[in-house]
């Protein structure tokens, strides 16, 4: 019984540490109602299969569970606005990188 409890405690500690180490990119988009999705693409690999995305809600987004490294960010927009791109975003282990406000431009 003691070993089961000990194993459970160890598993909880490990999972809590993993959650605390999560890295992300976050920011806001204006106008909020014209932004759909934020997509992070690792700069060292432009394959879309390696991208991670998150919805944009009320103009806010956070793309979580990223590995440390450099990323490009694409904000998908709806008409009459065009997509926005931001490059050279550096993500560090266990930290949230705030890219600030991204202003969408009309086509």
Protein backbone atom coordinates (compact mmCIF):
# COMPACT_ATOMS: atom_id res chain seq x y z
CA UNK A 1 0.00 0.00 0.00
CA UNK A 2 2.81 2.40 0.89
CA UNK A 3 4.56 1.75 -2.44
CA UNK A 4 1.35 2.54 -4.36
CA UNK A 5 0.98 5.85 -2.52
CA UNK A 6 4.66 6.67 -3.08
CA UNK A 7 4.38 5.93 -6.80
CA UNK A 8 1.28 8.10 -7.05
CA UNK A 9 3.02 11.02 -5.36
CA UNK A 10 6.05 10.69 -7.66
CA UNK A 11 3.78 10.63 -10.73
CA UNK A 12 1.99 13.79 -9.56
CA UNK A 13 5.27 15.61 -8.95
CA UNK A 14 6.60 14.67 -12.38
CA UNK A 15 3.40 15.74 -14.15
CA UNK A 16 3.30 19.05 -12.23
CA UNK A 17 6.90 19.74 -13.22
CA UNK A 18 6.11 18.99 -16.86
CA UNK A 19 3.14 21.36 -16.82
CA UNK A 20 5.26 24.12 -15.29
CA UNK A 21 7.86 23.66 -18.05
CA UNK A 22 5.37 24.32 -20.87
CA UNK A 23 6.46 27.00 -23.34
CA UNK A 24 4.07 29.13 -25.36
CA UNK A 25 3.52 32.09 -27.68
CA UNK A 26 0.71 34.46 -26.75
CA UNK A 27 -0.64 37.79 -27.90
CA UNK A 28 -3.63 39.76 -29.10
CA UNK A 29 -5.04 40.55 -32.53
CA UNK A 30 -6.90 43.65 -33.67
CA UNK A 31 -9.61 43.73 -34.95
CA UNK A 32 -10.53 40.80 -32.72
CA UNK A 33 -13.59 39.69 -34.67
CA UNK A 34 -11.62 39.20 -37.91
CA UNK A 35 -8.97 36.84 -36.50
CA UNK A 36 -9.60 33.09 -36.65
CA UNK A 37 -6.49 31.07 -35.78
CA UNK A 38 -2.85 31.56 -34.72
CA UNK A 39 -0.28 29.14 -36.16
CA UNK A 40 3.31 28.69 -34.95
CA UNK A 41 5.78 27.14 -37.42
CA UNK A 42 9.31 26.20 -36.31
CA UNK A 43 11.79 28.34 -38.28
CA UNK A 44 14.12 25.40 -38.87
CA UNK A 45 11.35 23.38 -40.54
CA UNK A 46 8.74 25.00 -42.76
CA UNK A 47 6.66 21.81 -43.06
CA UNK A 48 3.05 22.51 -42.15
CA UNK A 49 2.90 19.15 -40.36
CA UNK A 50 5.22 20.57 -37.68
CA UNK A 51 2.99 23.57 -37.02
CA UNK A 52 0.93 24.05 -33.87
CA UNK A 53 -2.19 26.20 -33.83
CA UNK A 54 -4.64 27.72 -31.39
CA UNK A 55 -7.97 29.49 -31.80
CA UNK A 56 -8.24 33.23 -31.32
CA UNK A 57 -10.95 34.11 -28.82
CA UNK A 58 -11.97 37.71 -28.21
CA UNK A 59 -8.71 38.76 -29.89
CA UNK A 60 -6.50 36.68 -27.57
CA UNK A 61 -4.46 33.58 -28.35
CA UNK A 62 -1.92 31.31 -26.70
CA UNK A 63 -0.18 28.51 -28.56
CA UNK A 64 0.99 26.06 -25.90
CA UNK A 65 3.29 23.05 -25.61
CA UNK A 66 6.01 24.47 -27.86
CA UNK A 67 9.62 23.31 -27.84
CA UNK A 68 12.34 25.90 -27.31
CA UNK A 69 13.48 27.49 -30.58
CA UNK A 70 12.64 30.09 -33.20
CA UNK A 71 9.19 30.32 -34.77
CA UNK A 72 7.21 32.16 -37.39
CA UNK A 73 3.66 33.12 -36.47
CA UNK A 74 0.75 33.31 -38.91
CA UNK A 75 -2.56 34.87 -37.93
CA UNK A 76 -5.39 33.66 -40.16
CA UNK A 77 -7.94 36.38 -40.83
CA UNK A 78 -11.31 36.68 -42.53
CA UNK A 79 -12.26 39.06 -45.34
CA UNK A 80 -11.73 41.88 -45.91
CA UNK A 81 -8.52 41.41 -43.85
CA UNK A 82 -5.46 39.48 -44.94
CA UNK A 83 -3.36 37.04 -42.93
CA UNK A 84 -0.57 38.53 -40.82
CA UNK A 85 2.91 37.04 -40.37
CA UNK A 86 5.52 37.67 -37.69
CA UNK A 87 8.95 36.00 -37.93
CA UNK A 88 11.87 35.54 -35.57
CA UNK A 89 9.95 34.70 -32.40
CA UNK A 90 12.24 33.00 -29.88
CA UNK A 91 10.66 30.61 -27.38
CA UNK A 92 12.55 29.52 -24.27
CA UNK A 93 11.88 26.41 -22.18
CA UNK A 94 9.22 26.96 -19.55
CA UNK A 95 8.44 30.52 -20.62
CA UNK A 96 5.59 32.28 -22.35
CA UNK A 97 6.68 34.61 -25.15
CA UNK A 98 4.35 37.60 -25.53
CA UNK A 99 4.32 39.00 -29.07
CA UNK A 100 2.06 41.90 -28.10
CA UNK A 101 -0.68 43.18 -30.38
CA UNK A 102 -0.81 42.18 -34.04
CA UNK A 103 -2.71 44.60 -36.22
CA UNK A 104 -4.52 43.03 -39.19
CA UNK A 105 -4.50 44.98 -42.45
CA UNK A 106 -7.27 45.13 -45.01
CA UNK A 107 -6.48 43.60 -48.40
